[in-house]
Every structure is written in C-alpha cells, then in structure tokens.
Amino acid sequence: MTELMRINGTNLFVDDRGPKDAPPLVFVHGGPGNSCWDFMTSVGDLLAARGLRVIGVDQRGVLRSDPLPDQPELSTAVLIEDFEAIRRTLGIDRWSALGHSAGGAYLLDYAVEHPEVFEVAVFDAPSWDCDATDRYRLPVAADLLENAGKTQAAAVCRAAAAAPHRLQFDSQVLAAMQQLGPDYLRLFTYDENGLTTYLVLAQQAPTDLDWTRGASHLPLISDMYQDRTPRLAELDCRSALFVGARDLVCPPAMIETYRAATGGDVVVFERSGHFAYVEQPQEYADRLADEVLSARTATN
C-alpha cells in the first residue's frame, strides 16, 4: 500500500508492504535527497515475503512527497521527528530501522535519542564522517580520472585527500569526481555486473518522477562532515552494520570503530559496493530479515 501521509505540516510518501502484524522495519534513505524507491523496488517484496512489514518513506521534499515547505528549516532533527510521527501514526510501539549511507547518519542520531523505540538499528554503508569517506574514496576516484586522461581533475581529488585540515563539502571536488561521467557509478558498484544491475534498475523508474527535487536536501551535506563516530558509544539499543566489500563510503577504520564501540554484528556482502541491496538482493534480504526477526525474538 502506498499513500501520502500528513506528517508535521506536509505530505510524506509512504510505501507500506507486508502483513500489518509482522515485525516492522522502516527504511531511512540517504543522499542527502535520494528516495526509498530503489530500496523498495529491489528488496521491499523480498523482505515482506520473509515475514517483515517494510515501510519505505520519501523524506520531506523528496521525489513523491510534497515539495519542501519553507518552515521548519530542514535539519536531521526535523527528519527524525517526521519518522517518529510516522511511527505514532501507524500505531507502532517499537520498530527496526535500516539507514543507508547518509540515512545511516540520521539513524544514528535517531537511535541515540530514542533508543526505546528500536528493536534493532541496522546501518548500511553509513556516512558517519565524510572527512574519512573522502580521504578513502578520493584516491580511487583520482586513479579512475587519470586512466580517463583527466589529470587535472585527478590532481584536485588527490590534493583534497591529502589536506592537513578536516575536510568540508567542496563543490569543486565533487565536480572533479563527476568528470568521470558514466564511470562515476564505478565508485559505488562492485564490478561490471553490479554496474549493469544498477543501470537496469534505474531504467525501471517511472518517467514522471522528478529526481531533481532531491536538491532540496543539499543543505544537509555540510552536517555530514561532522564526525558522528563518537556517538556509537552512546548507542543503547541493539544494532548491526552492513557493508559491501567494495564500499567506499564506510572505510575499514570506521568498521573497526563500530565493532569496538558496540560489539554489534558486522555483515559484509562480498560482491557489492555501496548498494548491496541492489547488487545482492536475495542475500541482503536474508541477512536483514535475520537481524530483524532475531531482534524481535530477543525482545519477546
């Protein structure tokens, strides 16, 4: 079932699949400014078939939700309150959540501030510190750029990765990476098969979707450069970390920080990059369902 749900003064698109009495899982998309469309298309029905109630949300201002209202000013705190209002509106006492990429940052804040509403918080390739992400990803981008003959753009990426100060969002660095053109997606996929799978999925999107509306979430990018990893020690609910073997957003040092701070499960998808739910949907649905169902069993 899909609907526009009136939440905190705006209409949010909600895609609700699976039995209403099944353990609920809400998906928190990243971007900033993406959508739940790719996740729900890839694994929404697979998860429902494995006994979950799966709730995808296009965050305020994004894709099928209403355009971003002028007030309140967009912030992570506003997004968290939206999810809390959705939970209450649906009559759910406790749920599990999956936060992907930037959504993993939103979910960390949410879980630290409201641990009582979570059975398990699953972080998928989370963007907890974009300084660490950029230093890990930019050298890979530079190699691809050099192979494509774009030496000046490669130099921009290498210089940023080696900067002696903490990095902030820099549109020039992003523009340099985007000179990869179609190869930009290679920063997010495991191999040629993964790239093809992602492109095939993108071609399935309805043609009337206005993806440009995701730009309304660009003000959240600066916040992604704040290091959230110290908040892992504040987690007071069950958690797990999912990551693709070739994910460039959540570097190995961040994985070890999570492991040391929480002792939670770390699940590596060996043939995936940043979008394991696209590249390995069956395995992904199996592991995610296991996390949610075992968390439900542990709390009953």
C-alpha atoms as a PDB file:
ATOM      1  CA  MET A   1       0.000   0.000   0.000  1.00  0.00           C
ATOM      2  CA  THR A   2       1.254   3.494  -0.820  1.00  0.00           C
ATOM      3  CA  GLU A   3      -0.165   6.736   0.489  1.00  0.00           C
ATOM      4  CA  LEU A   4       0.562  10.374   1.153  1.00  0.00           C
ATOM      5  CA  MET A   5       0.568  10.690   4.929  1.00  0.00           C
ATOM      6  CA  ARG A   6       0.045  14.081   6.590  1.00  0.00           C
ATOM      7  CA  ILE A   7       3.039  14.474   8.893  1.00  0.00           C
ATOM      8  CA  ASN A   8       4.167  17.630  10.695  1.00  0.00           C
ATOM      9  CA  GLY A   9       2.521  20.012   8.247  1.00  0.00           C
ATOM     10  CA  THR A  10       3.478  18.287   4.984  1.00  0.00           C
ATOM     11  CA  ASN A  11       2.564  15.168   2.999  1.00  0.00           C
ATOM     12  CA  LEU A  12       5.083  12.330   3.026  1.00  0.00           C
ATOM     13  CA  PHE A  13       5.022   9.400   0.603  1.00  0.00           C
ATOM     14  CA  VAL A  14       4.882   6.095   2.486  1.00  0.00           C
ATOM     15  CA  ASP A  15       5.244   2.663   0.860  1.00  0.00           C
ATOM     16  CA  ASP A  16       3.965   0.073   3.369  1.00  0.00           C
ATOM     17  CA  ARG A  17       4.376  -3.605   2.386  1.00  0.00           C
ATOM     18  CA  GLY A  18       3.836  -6.918   4.149  1.00  0.00           C
ATOM     19  CA  PRO A  19       1.453  -8.047   6.888  1.00  0.00           C
ATOM     20  CA  LYS A  20       0.463  -5.270   9.287  1.00  0.00           C
ATOM     21  CA  ASP A  21       1.086  -7.541  12.280  1.00  0.00           C
ATOM     22  CA  ALA A  22       4.605  -8.536  11.124  1.00  0.00           C
ATOM     23  CA  PRO A  23       7.761  -7.081  12.728  1.00  0.00           C
ATOM     24  CA  PRO A  24       8.038  -3.560  11.268  1.00  0.00           C
ATOM     25  CA  LEU A  25      11.154  -2.256   9.514  1.00  0.00           C
ATOM     26  CA  VAL A  26      11.429   1.351   8.362  1.00  0.00           C
ATOM     27  CA  PHE A  27      13.909   2.355   5.659  1.00  0.00           C
ATOM     28  CA  VAL A  28      15.786   5.644   6.105  1.00  0.00           C
ATOM     29  CA  HIS A  29      17.226   6.660   2.742  1.00  0.00           C
ATOM     30  CA  GLY A  30      20.332   8.728   2.253  1.00  0.00           C
ATOM     31  CA  GLY A  31      21.561  11.113  -0.398  1.00  0.00           C
ATOM     32  CA  PRO A  32      21.030  13.562   1.096  1.00  0.00           C
ATOM     33  CA  GLY A  33      17.878  13.773  -1.013  1.00  0.00           C
ATOM     34  CA  ASN A  34      17.520  10.315  -2.547  1.00  0.00           C
ATOM     35  CA  SER A  35      14.323   8.256  -2.199  1.00  0.00           C
ATOM     36  CA  CYS A  36      13.106   4.928  -0.881  1.00  0.00           C
ATOM     37  CA  TRP A  37      12.295   3.896  -4.477  1.00  0.00           C
ATOM     38  CA  ASP A  38      15.433   1.872  -5.249  1.00  0.00           C
ATOM     39  CA  PHE A  39      15.376   0.028  -1.909  1.00  0.00           C
ATOM     40  CA  MET A  40      11.684  -0.834  -2.061  1.00  0.00           C
ATOM     41  CA  THR A  41      11.949  -1.887  -5.716  1.00  0.00           C
ATOM     42  CA  SER A  42      14.990  -4.092  -5.021  1.00  0.00           C
ATOM     43  CA  VAL A  43      14.104  -5.770  -1.738  1.00  0.00           C
ATOM     44  CA  GLY A  44      10.748  -4.486  -0.468  1.00  0.00           C
ATOM     45  CA  ASP A  45       8.776  -7.510  -1.654  1.00  0.00           C
ATOM     46  CA  LEU A  46      11.624  -9.904  -0.790  1.00  0.00           C
ATOM     47  CA  LEU A  47      11.588  -8.696   2.811  1.00  0.00           C
ATOM     48  CA  ALA A  48       7.804  -8.848   3.008  1.00  0.00           C
ATOM     49  CA  ALA A  49       7.967 -12.453   1.766  1.00  0.00           C
ATOM     50  CA  ARG A  50      10.399 -13.196   4.600  1.00  0.00           C
ATOM     51  CA  GLY A  51       7.877 -12.097   7.210  1.00  0.00           C
ATOM     52  CA  LEU A  52       8.515  -8.377   7.680  1.00  0.00           C
ATOM     53  CA  ARG A  53       6.376  -5.283   7.419  1.00  0.00           C
ATOM     54  CA  VAL A  54       8.554  -2.956   5.330  1.00  0.00           C
ATOM     55  CA  ILE A  55       7.939   0.796   5.445  1.00  0.00           C
ATOM     56  CA  GLY A  56       9.685   2.986   2.887  1.00  0.00           C
ATOM     57  CA  VAL A  57       9.481   6.772   3.181  1.00  0.00           C
ATOM     58  CA  ASP A  58      10.396   9.536   0.773  1.00  0.00           C
ATOM     59  CA  GLN A  59      11.645  12.146   3.238  1.00  0.00           C
ATOM     60  CA  ARG A  60      10.078  15.595   3.234  1.00  0.00           C
ATOM     61  CA  GLY A  61      10.640  17.484  -0.015  1.00  0.00           C
ATOM     62  CA  VAL A  62      11.919  14.409  -1.890  1.00  0.00           C
ATOM     63  CA  LEU A  63      10.508  12.738  -5.016  1.00  0.00           C
ATOM     64  CA  ARG A  64       6.908  11.684  -4.299  1.00  0.00           C
ATOM     65  CA  SER A  65       6.486  13.636  -1.053  1.00  0.00           C
ATOM     66  CA  ASP A  66       5.311  17.245  -1.142  1.00  0.00           C
ATOM     67  CA  PRO A  67       7.860  19.917  -2.113  1.00  0.00           C
ATOM     68  CA  LEU A  68       9.936  21.022   0.861  1.00  0.00           C
ATOM     69  CA  PRO A  69       7.992  23.581   2.908  1.00  0.00           C
ATOM     70  CA  ASP A  70       9.646  26.851   3.914  1.00  0.00           C
ATOM     71  CA  GLN A  71       9.288  26.046   7.611  1.00  0.00           C
ATOM     72  CA  PRO A  72      10.673  24.468   9.652  1.00  0.00           C
ATOM     73  CA  GLU A  73      14.220  24.762   8.348  1.00  0.00           C
ATOM     74  CA  LEU A  74      15.406  21.352   7.160  1.00  0.00           C
ATOM     75  CA  SER A  75      17.633  19.509   9.620  1.00  0.00           C
ATOM     76  CA  THR A  76      18.349  15.977  10.786  1.00  0.00           C
ATOM     77  CA  ALA A  77      16.250  16.705  13.874  1.00  0.00           C
ATOM     78  CA  VAL A  78      13.263  17.547  11.657  1.00  0.00           C
ATOM     79  CA  LEU A  79      13.664  14.282   9.731  1.00  0.00           C
ATOM     80  CA  ILE A  80      13.824  12.329  12.995  1.00  0.00           C
ATOM     81  CA  GLU A  81      10.619  13.941  14.231  1.00  0.00           C
ATOM     82  CA  ASP A  82       8.970  13.032  10.919  1.00  0.00           C
ATOM     83  CA  PHE A  83       9.883   9.376  11.410  1.00  0.00           C
ATOM     84  CA  GLU A  84       8.651   9.471  14.990  1.00  0.00           C
ATOM     85  CA  ALA A  85       5.346  10.967  13.813  1.00  0.00           C
ATOM     86  CA  ILE A  86       5.020   8.237  11.153  1.00  0.00           C
ATOM     87  CA  ARG A  87       5.644   5.568  13.788  1.00  0.00           C
ATOM     88  CA  ARG A  88       2.965   7.000  16.056  1.00  0.00           C
ATOM     89  CA  THR A  89       0.512   7.485  13.174  1.00  0.00           C
ATOM     90  CA  LEU A  90       0.931   3.831  12.174  1.00  0.00           C
ATOM     91  CA  GLY A  91       0.353   2.746  15.778  1.00  0.00           C
ATOM     92  CA  ILE A  92       3.774   1.088  16.077  1.00  0.00           C
ATOM     93  CA  ASP A  93       5.291   0.935  19.576  1.00  0.00           C
ATOM     94  CA  ARG A  94       8.739  -0.313  18.540  1.00  0.00           C
ATOM     95  CA  TRP A  95      10.268  -0.945  15.155  1.00  0.00           C
ATOM     96  CA  SER A  96      13.529  -1.843  13.472  1.00  0.00           C
ATOM     97  CA  ALA A  97      15.208   0.555  11.094  1.00  0.00           C
ATOM     98  CA  LEU A  98      17.662   0.361   8.206  1.00  0.00           C
ATOM     99  CA  GLY A  99      19.627   3.535   7.474  1.00  0.00           C
ATOM    100  CA  HIS A 100      21.609   3.604   4.235  1.00  0.00           C
ATOM    101  CA  SER A 101      24.524   5.977   3.529  1.00  0.00           C
ATOM    102  CA  ALA A 102      23.562   9.454   4.803  1.00  0.00           C
ATOM    103  CA  GLY A 103      20.488   7.751   6.221  1.00  0.00           C
ATOM    104  CA  GLY A 104      22.878   5.819   8.456  1.00  0.00           C
ATOM    105  CA  ALA A 105      23.907   9.143   9.996  1.00  0.00           C
ATOM    106  CA  TYR A 106      20.280  10.182  10.524  1.00  0.00           C
ATOM    107  CA  LEU A 107      19.560   6.774  12.041  1.00  0.00           C
ATOM    108  CA  LEU A 108      22.486   7.021  14.455  1.00  0.00           C
ATOM    109  CA  ASP A 109      21.161  10.325  15.784  1.00  0.00           C
ATOM    110  CA  TYR A 110      17.645   8.865  15.936  1.00  0.00           C
ATOM    111  CA  ALA A 111      18.711   5.702  17.769  1.00  0.00           C
ATOM    112  CA  VAL A 112      20.829   7.591  20.315  1.00  0.00           C
ATOM    113  CA  GLU A 113      17.977  10.000  21.058  1.00  0.00           C
ATOM    114  CA  HIS A 114      15.128   7.453  21.039  1.00  0.00           C
ATOM    115  CA  PRO A 115      16.597   4.011  21.877  1.00  0.00           C
ATOM    116  CA  GLU A 116      13.323   2.903  23.415  1.00  0.00           C
ATOM    117  CA  VAL A 117      11.558   2.736  20.020  1.00  0.00           C
ATOM    118  CA  PHE A 118      14.069   0.365  18.361  1.00  0.00           C
ATOM    119  CA  GLU A 119      14.311  -3.394  18.287  1.00  0.00           C
ATOM    120  CA  VAL A 120      17.424  -3.169  16.079  1.00  0.00           C
ATOM    121  CA  ALA A 121      19.090  -0.331  14.192  1.00  0.00           C
ATOM    122  CA  VAL A 122      20.861  -1.600  11.067  1.00  0.00           C
ATOM    123  CA  PHE A 123      23.389   0.737   9.487  1.00  0.00           C
ATOM    124  CA  ASP A 124      24.096   0.053   5.813  1.00  0.00           C
ATOM    125  CA  ALA A 125      27.288   1.615   4.399  1.00  0.00           C
ATOM    126  CA  PRO A 126      26.726   4.553   6.755  1.00  0.00           C
ATOM    127  CA  SER A 127      28.112   8.010   6.140  1.00  0.00           C
ATOM    128  CA  TRP A 128      29.199   8.812   9.692  1.00  0.00           C
ATOM    129  CA  ASP A 129      32.129  11.098   8.797  1.00  0.00           C
ATOM    130  CA  CYS A 130      32.536  12.439   5.262  1.00  0.00           C
ATOM    131  CA  ASP A 131      36.088  13.562   6.027  1.00  0.00           C
ATOM    132  CA  ALA A 132      37.028   9.885   6.459  1.00  0.00           C
ATOM    133  CA  THR A 133      34.902   8.900   3.455  1.00  0.00           C
ATOM    134  CA  ASP A 134      36.531  11.445   1.157  1.00  0.00           C
ATOM    135  CA  ARG A 135      40.070  10.521   2.197  1.00  0.00           C
ATOM    136  CA  TYR A 136      39.266   6.874   1.415  1.00  0.00           C
ATOM    137  CA  ARG A 137      37.291   7.418  -1.796  1.00  0.00           C
ATOM    138  CA  LEU A 138      39.083  10.326  -3.496  1.00  0.00           C
ATOM    139  CA  PRO A 139      42.302   8.395  -4.302  1.00  0.00           C
ATOM    140  CA  VAL A 140      40.175   5.755  -6.055  1.00  0.00           C
ATOM    141  CA  ALA A 141      38.393   8.478  -7.994  1.00  0.00           C
ATOM    142  CA  ALA A 142      41.769  10.003  -8.873  1.00  0.00           C
ATOM    143  CA  ASP A 143      43.002   6.705 -10.321  1.00  0.00           C
ATOM    144  CA  LEU A 144      39.882   6.414 -12.488  1.00  0.00           C
ATOM    145  CA  LEU A 145      40.257  10.008 -13.633  1.00  0.00           C
ATOM    146  CA  GLU A 146      43.901   9.511 -14.550  1.00  0.00           C
ATOM    147  CA  ASN A 147      43.003   6.386 -16.525  1.00  0.00           C
ATOM    148  CA  ALA A 148      40.469   8.511 -18.395  1.00  0.00           C
ATOM    149  CA  GLY A 149      43.088  11.158 -19.173  1.00  0.00           C
ATOM    150  CA  LYS A 150      41.576  13.742 -16.807  1.00  0.00           C
ATOM    151  CA  THR A 151      44.780  14.552 -14.963  1.00  0.00           C
ATOM    152  CA  GLN A 152      43.741  17.964 -13.642  1.00  0.00           C
ATOM    153  CA  ALA A 153      40.594  16.567 -12.033  1.00  0.00           C
ATOM    154  CA  ALA A 154      42.662  13.706 -10.603  1.00  0.00           C
ATOM    155  CA  ALA A 155      45.056  16.223  -9.050  1.00  0.00           C
ATOM    156  CA  VAL A 156      42.142  18.049  -7.400  1.00  0.00           C
ATOM    157  CA  CYS A 157      40.984  14.792  -5.817  1.00  0.00           C
ATOM    158  CA  ARG A 158      44.455  13.817  -4.615  1.00  0.00           C
ATOM    159  CA  ALA A 159      45.087  17.256  -3.123  1.00  0.00           C
ATOM    160  CA  ALA A 160      41.825  17.167  -1.188  1.00  0.00           C
ATOM    161  CA  ALA A 161      42.516  13.664   0.133  1.00  0.00           C
ATOM    162  CA  ALA A 162      45.922  14.825   1.433  1.00  0.00           C
ATOM    163  CA  ALA A 163      44.716  18.089   3.003  1.00  0.00           C
ATOM    164  CA  PRO A 164      46.159  18.656   6.531  1.00  0.00           C
ATOM    165  CA  HIS A 165      42.857  20.010   7.892  1.00  0.00           C
ATOM    166  CA  ARG A 166      39.456  18.379   8.325  1.00  0.00           C
ATOM    167  CA  LEU A 167      37.591  18.352   5.049  1.00  0.00           C
ATOM    168  CA  GLN A 168      34.335  20.160   4.447  1.00  0.00           C
ATOM    169  CA  PHE A 169      31.996  19.835   1.494  1.00  0.00           C
ATOM    170  CA  ASP A 170      33.696  21.296  -1.586  1.00  0.00           C
ATOM    171  CA  SER A 171      31.669  21.591  -4.765  1.00  0.00           C
ATOM    172  CA  GLN A 172      34.886  21.781  -6.829  1.00  0.00           C
ATOM    173  CA  VAL A 173      35.988  18.373  -5.541  1.00  0.00           C
ATOM    174  CA  LEU A 174      32.580  16.898  -6.312  1.00  0.00           C
ATOM    175  CA  ALA A 175      32.701  18.419  -9.787  1.00  0.00           C
ATOM    176  CA  ALA A 176      36.136  16.876 -10.316  1.00  0.00           C
ATOM    177  CA  MET A 177      34.840  13.411  -9.403  1.00  0.00           C
ATOM    178  CA  GLN A 178      31.822  13.870 -11.637  1.00  0.00           C
ATOM    179  CA  GLN A 179      34.124  14.369 -14.628  1.00  0.00           C
ATOM    180  CA  LEU A 180      34.145  10.585 -14.635  1.00  0.00           C
ATOM    181  CA  GLY A 181      30.783  10.832 -16.395  1.00  0.00           C
ATOM    182  CA  PRO A 182      29.128   7.395 -16.620  1.00  0.00           C
ATOM    183  CA  ASP A 183      32.143   5.902 -14.828  1.00  0.00           C
ATOM    184  CA  TYR A 184      31.193   7.876 -11.699  1.00  0.00           C
ATOM    185  CA  LEU A 185      28.930   4.958 -10.778  1.00  0.00           C
ATOM    186  CA  ARG A 186      32.032   2.736 -10.575  1.00  0.00           C
ATOM    187  CA  LEU A 187      32.729   4.434  -7.250  1.00  0.00           C
ATOM    188  CA  PHE A 188      29.548   2.843  -5.923  1.00  0.00           C
ATOM    189  CA  THR A 189      29.376  -0.609  -7.525  1.00  0.00           C
ATOM    190  CA  TYR A 190      31.448  -3.763  -7.123  1.00  0.00           C
ATOM    191  CA  ASP A 191      32.168  -4.690 -10.748  1.00  0.00           C
ATOM    192  CA  GLU A 192      30.707  -4.633 -14.264  1.00  0.00           C
ATOM    193  CA  ASN A 193      27.854  -6.904 -13.217  1.00  0.00           C
ATOM    194  CA  GLY A 194      26.976  -4.585 -10.362  1.00  0.00           C
ATOM    195  CA  LEU A 195      27.145  -1.545 -12.612  1.00  0.00           C
ATOM    196  CA  THR A 196      24.850  -3.209 -15.152  1.00  0.00           C
ATOM    197  CA  THR A 197      22.402  -4.253 -12.435  1.00  0.00           C
ATOM    198  CA  TYR A 198      22.252  -0.701 -11.094  1.00  0.00           C
ATOM    199  CA  LEU A 199      21.699   0.777 -14.554  1.00  0.00           C
ATOM    200  CA  VAL A 200      18.951  -1.739 -15.347  1.00  0.00           C
ATOM    201  CA  LEU A 201      17.227  -0.823 -12.080  1.00  0.00           C
ATOM    202  CA  ALA A 202      17.458   2.887 -12.907  1.00  0.00           C
ATOM    203  CA  GLN A 203      15.783   2.253 -16.254  1.00  0.00           C
ATOM    204  CA  GLN A 204      12.781   0.762 -14.439  1.00  0.00           C
ATOM    205  CA  ALA A 205      11.987   4.021 -12.653  1.00  0.00           C
ATOM    206  CA  PRO A 206       8.745   5.695 -13.732  1.00  0.00           C
ATOM    207  CA  THR A 207       9.460   8.513 -16.150  1.00  0.00           C
ATOM    208  CA  ASP A 208       7.304  11.021 -14.269  1.00  0.00           C
ATOM    209  CA  LEU A 209       9.485  11.041 -11.141  1.00  0.00           C
ATOM    210  CA  ASP A 210      11.210  14.397 -10.549  1.00  0.00           C
ATOM    211  CA  TRP A 211      14.563  13.362  -9.107  1.00  0.00           C
ATOM    212  CA  THR A 212      15.825  16.958  -9.161  1.00  0.00           C
ATOM    213  CA  ARG A 213      13.728  17.667  -6.078  1.00  0.00           C
ATOM    214  CA  GLY A 214      16.355  15.858  -4.056  1.00  0.00           C
ATOM    215  CA  ALA A 215      18.437  19.026  -4.366  1.00  0.00           C
ATOM    216  CA  SER A 216      16.255  20.475  -1.617  1.00  0.00           C
ATOM    217  CA  HIS A 217      18.300  18.353   0.829  1.00  0.00           C
ATOM    218  CA  LEU A 218      21.658  19.811  -0.200  1.00  0.00           C
ATOM    219  CA  PRO A 219      21.753  21.963   2.972  1.00  0.00           C
ATOM    220  CA  LEU A 220      22.259  18.728   4.941  1.00  0.00           C
ATOM    221  CA  ILE A 221      25.580  17.940   3.236  1.00  0.00           C
ATOM    222  CA  SER A 222      27.692  20.173   5.497  1.00  0.00           C
ATOM    223  CA  ASP A 223      26.402  18.293   8.542  1.00  0.00           C
ATOM    224  CA  MET A 224      27.658  15.033   7.018  1.00  0.00           C
ATOM    225  CA  TYR A 225      31.228  16.279   7.564  1.00  0.00           C
ATOM    226  CA  GLN A 226      30.758  16.241  11.335  1.00  0.00           C
ATOM    227  CA  ASP A 227      32.293  13.123  12.863  1.00  0.00           C
ATOM    228  CA  ARG A 228      29.440  11.085  14.344  1.00  0.00           C
ATOM    229  CA  THR A 229      31.530   8.038  15.292  1.00  0.00           C
ATOM    230  CA  PRO A 230      31.820   9.139  18.966  1.00  0.00           C
ATOM    231  CA  ARG A 231      28.033   8.727  19.166  1.00  0.00           C
ATOM    232  CA  LEU A 232      28.424   4.984  18.615  1.00  0.00           C
ATOM    233  CA  ALA A 233      29.436   4.666  22.268  1.00  0.00           C
ATOM    234  CA  GLU A 234      26.076   6.245  23.194  1.00  0.00           C
ATOM    235  CA  LEU A 235      24.003   3.601  21.402  1.00  0.00           C
ATOM    236  CA  ASP A 236      21.677   1.920  23.857  1.00  0.00           C
ATOM    237  CA  CYS A 237      19.837  -0.414  21.512  1.00  0.00           C
ATOM    238  CA  ARG A 238      20.730  -3.488  19.506  1.00  0.00           C
ATOM    239  CA  SER A 239      22.498  -2.700  16.234  1.00  0.00           C
ATOM    240  CA  ALA A 240      24.227  -4.191  13.214  1.00  0.00           C
ATOM    241  CA  LEU A 241      26.449  -2.893  10.426  1.00  0.00           C
ATOM    242  CA  PHE A 242      26.043  -3.949   6.785  1.00  0.00           C
ATOM    243  CA  VAL A 243      28.713  -3.041   4.252  1.00  0.00           C
ATOM    244  CA  GLY A 244      29.693  -4.052   0.749  1.00  0.00           C
ATOM    245  CA  ALA A 245      33.207  -5.440   0.296  1.00  0.00           C
ATOM    246  CA  ARG A 246      33.949  -2.614  -2.134  1.00  0.00           C
ATOM    247  CA  ASP A 247      32.021   0.156  -0.418  1.00  0.00           C
ATOM    248  CA  LEU A 248      33.973   3.419  -0.432  1.00  0.00           C
ATOM    249  CA  VAL A 249      31.719   5.350   1.951  1.00  0.00           C
ATOM    250  CA  CYS A 250      32.314   3.358   5.148  1.00  0.00           C
ATOM    251  CA  PRO A 251      36.093   2.714   5.268  1.00  0.00           C
ATOM    252  CA  PRO A 252      37.690  -0.177   7.187  1.00  0.00           C
ATOM    253  CA  ALA A 253      38.758   2.043  10.096  1.00  0.00           C
ATOM    254  CA  MET A 254      35.144   3.100  10.589  1.00  0.00           C
ATOM    255  CA  ILE A 255      34.007  -0.520  10.594  1.00  0.00           C
ATOM    256  CA  GLU A 256      36.518  -1.307  13.332  1.00  0.00           C
ATOM    257  CA  THR A 257      35.371   1.743  15.310  1.00  0.00           C
ATOM    258  CA  TYR A 258      31.813   0.438  15.147  1.00  0.00           C
ATOM    259  CA  ARG A 259      32.874  -3.062  16.172  1.00  0.00           C
ATOM    260  CA  ALA A 260      34.866  -1.796  19.168  1.00  0.00           C
ATOM    261  CA  ALA A 261      32.179   0.643  20.324  1.00  0.00           C
ATOM    262  CA  THR A 262      29.123  -1.601  20.029  1.00  0.00           C
ATOM    263  CA  GLY A 263      30.052  -5.259  19.627  1.00  0.00           C
ATOM    264  CA  GLY A 264      27.236  -5.450  17.071  1.00  0.00           C
ATOM    265  CA  ASP A 265      27.116  -7.790  14.087  1.00  0.00           C
ATOM    266  CA  VAL A 266      29.152  -6.770  11.028  1.00  0.00           C
ATOM    267  CA  VAL A 267      27.845  -8.280   7.793  1.00  0.00           C
ATOM    268  CA  VAL A 268      29.995  -7.965   4.655  1.00  0.00           C
ATOM    269  CA  PHE A 269      28.435  -8.520   1.227  1.00  0.00           C
ATOM    270  CA  GLU A 270      31.330  -9.867  -0.776  1.00  0.00           C
ATOM    271  CA  ARG A 271      30.081  -8.930  -4.277  1.00  0.00           C
ATOM    272  CA  SER A 272      28.768  -5.450  -3.527  1.00  0.00           C
ATOM    273  CA  GLY A 273      29.820  -1.845  -3.427  1.00  0.00           C
ATOM    274  CA  HIS A 274      27.690   0.869  -1.840  1.00  0.00           C
ATOM    275  CA  PHE A 275      24.312  -0.613  -2.814  1.00  0.00           C
ATOM    276  CA  ALA A 276      24.302  -4.196  -1.559  1.00  0.00           C
ATOM    277  CA  TYR A 277      20.511  -4.304  -1.702  1.00  0.00           C
ATOM    278  CA  VAL A 278      20.787  -3.749  -5.474  1.00  0.00           C
ATOM    279  CA  GLU A 279      23.800  -5.971  -6.189  1.00  0.00           C
ATOM    280  CA  GLN A 280      22.950  -8.912  -3.881  1.00  0.00           C
ATOM    281  CA  PRO A 281      19.216  -8.565  -3.164  1.00  0.00           C
ATOM    282  CA  GLN A 282      18.495 -12.167  -2.144  1.00  0.00           C
ATOM    283  CA  GLU A 283      21.432 -12.414   0.250  1.00  0.00           C
ATOM    284  CA  TYR A 284      20.684  -8.938   1.544  1.00  0.00           C
ATOM    285  CA  ALA A 285      17.036  -9.757   2.254  1.00  0.00           C
ATOM    286  CA  ASP A 286      18.079 -12.967   4.013  1.00  0.00           C
ATOM    287  CA  ARG A 287      20.550 -11.226   6.334  1.00  0.00           C
ATOM    288  CA  LEU A 288      18.328  -8.236   7.049  1.00  0.00           C
ATOM    289  CA  ALA A 289      15.319 -10.434   7.817  1.00  0.00           C
ATOM    290  CA  ASP A 290      17.513 -12.493  10.149  1.00  0.00           C
ATOM    291  CA  GLU A 291      18.573  -9.364  12.048  1.00  0.00           C
ATOM    292  CA  VAL A 292      15.031  -8.051  12.426  1.00  0.00           C
ATOM    293  CA  LEU A 293      13.395 -11.364  13.314  1.00  0.00           C
ATOM    294  CA  SER A 294      16.091 -12.330  15.806  1.00  0.00           C
ATOM    295  CA  ALA A 295      15.796  -8.895  17.430  1.00  0.00           C
ATOM    296  CA  ARG A 296      12.026  -9.403  17.729  1.00  0.00           C
ATOM    297  CA  THR A 297      12.571 -12.830  19.303  1.00  0.00           C
ATOM    298  CA  ALA A 298      15.096 -11.411  21.776  1.00  0.00           C
ATOM    299  CA  THR A 299      12.690  -8.719  22.972  1.00  0.00           C
ATOM    300  CA  ASN A 300       9.722 -11.056  23.464  1.00  0.00           C
END
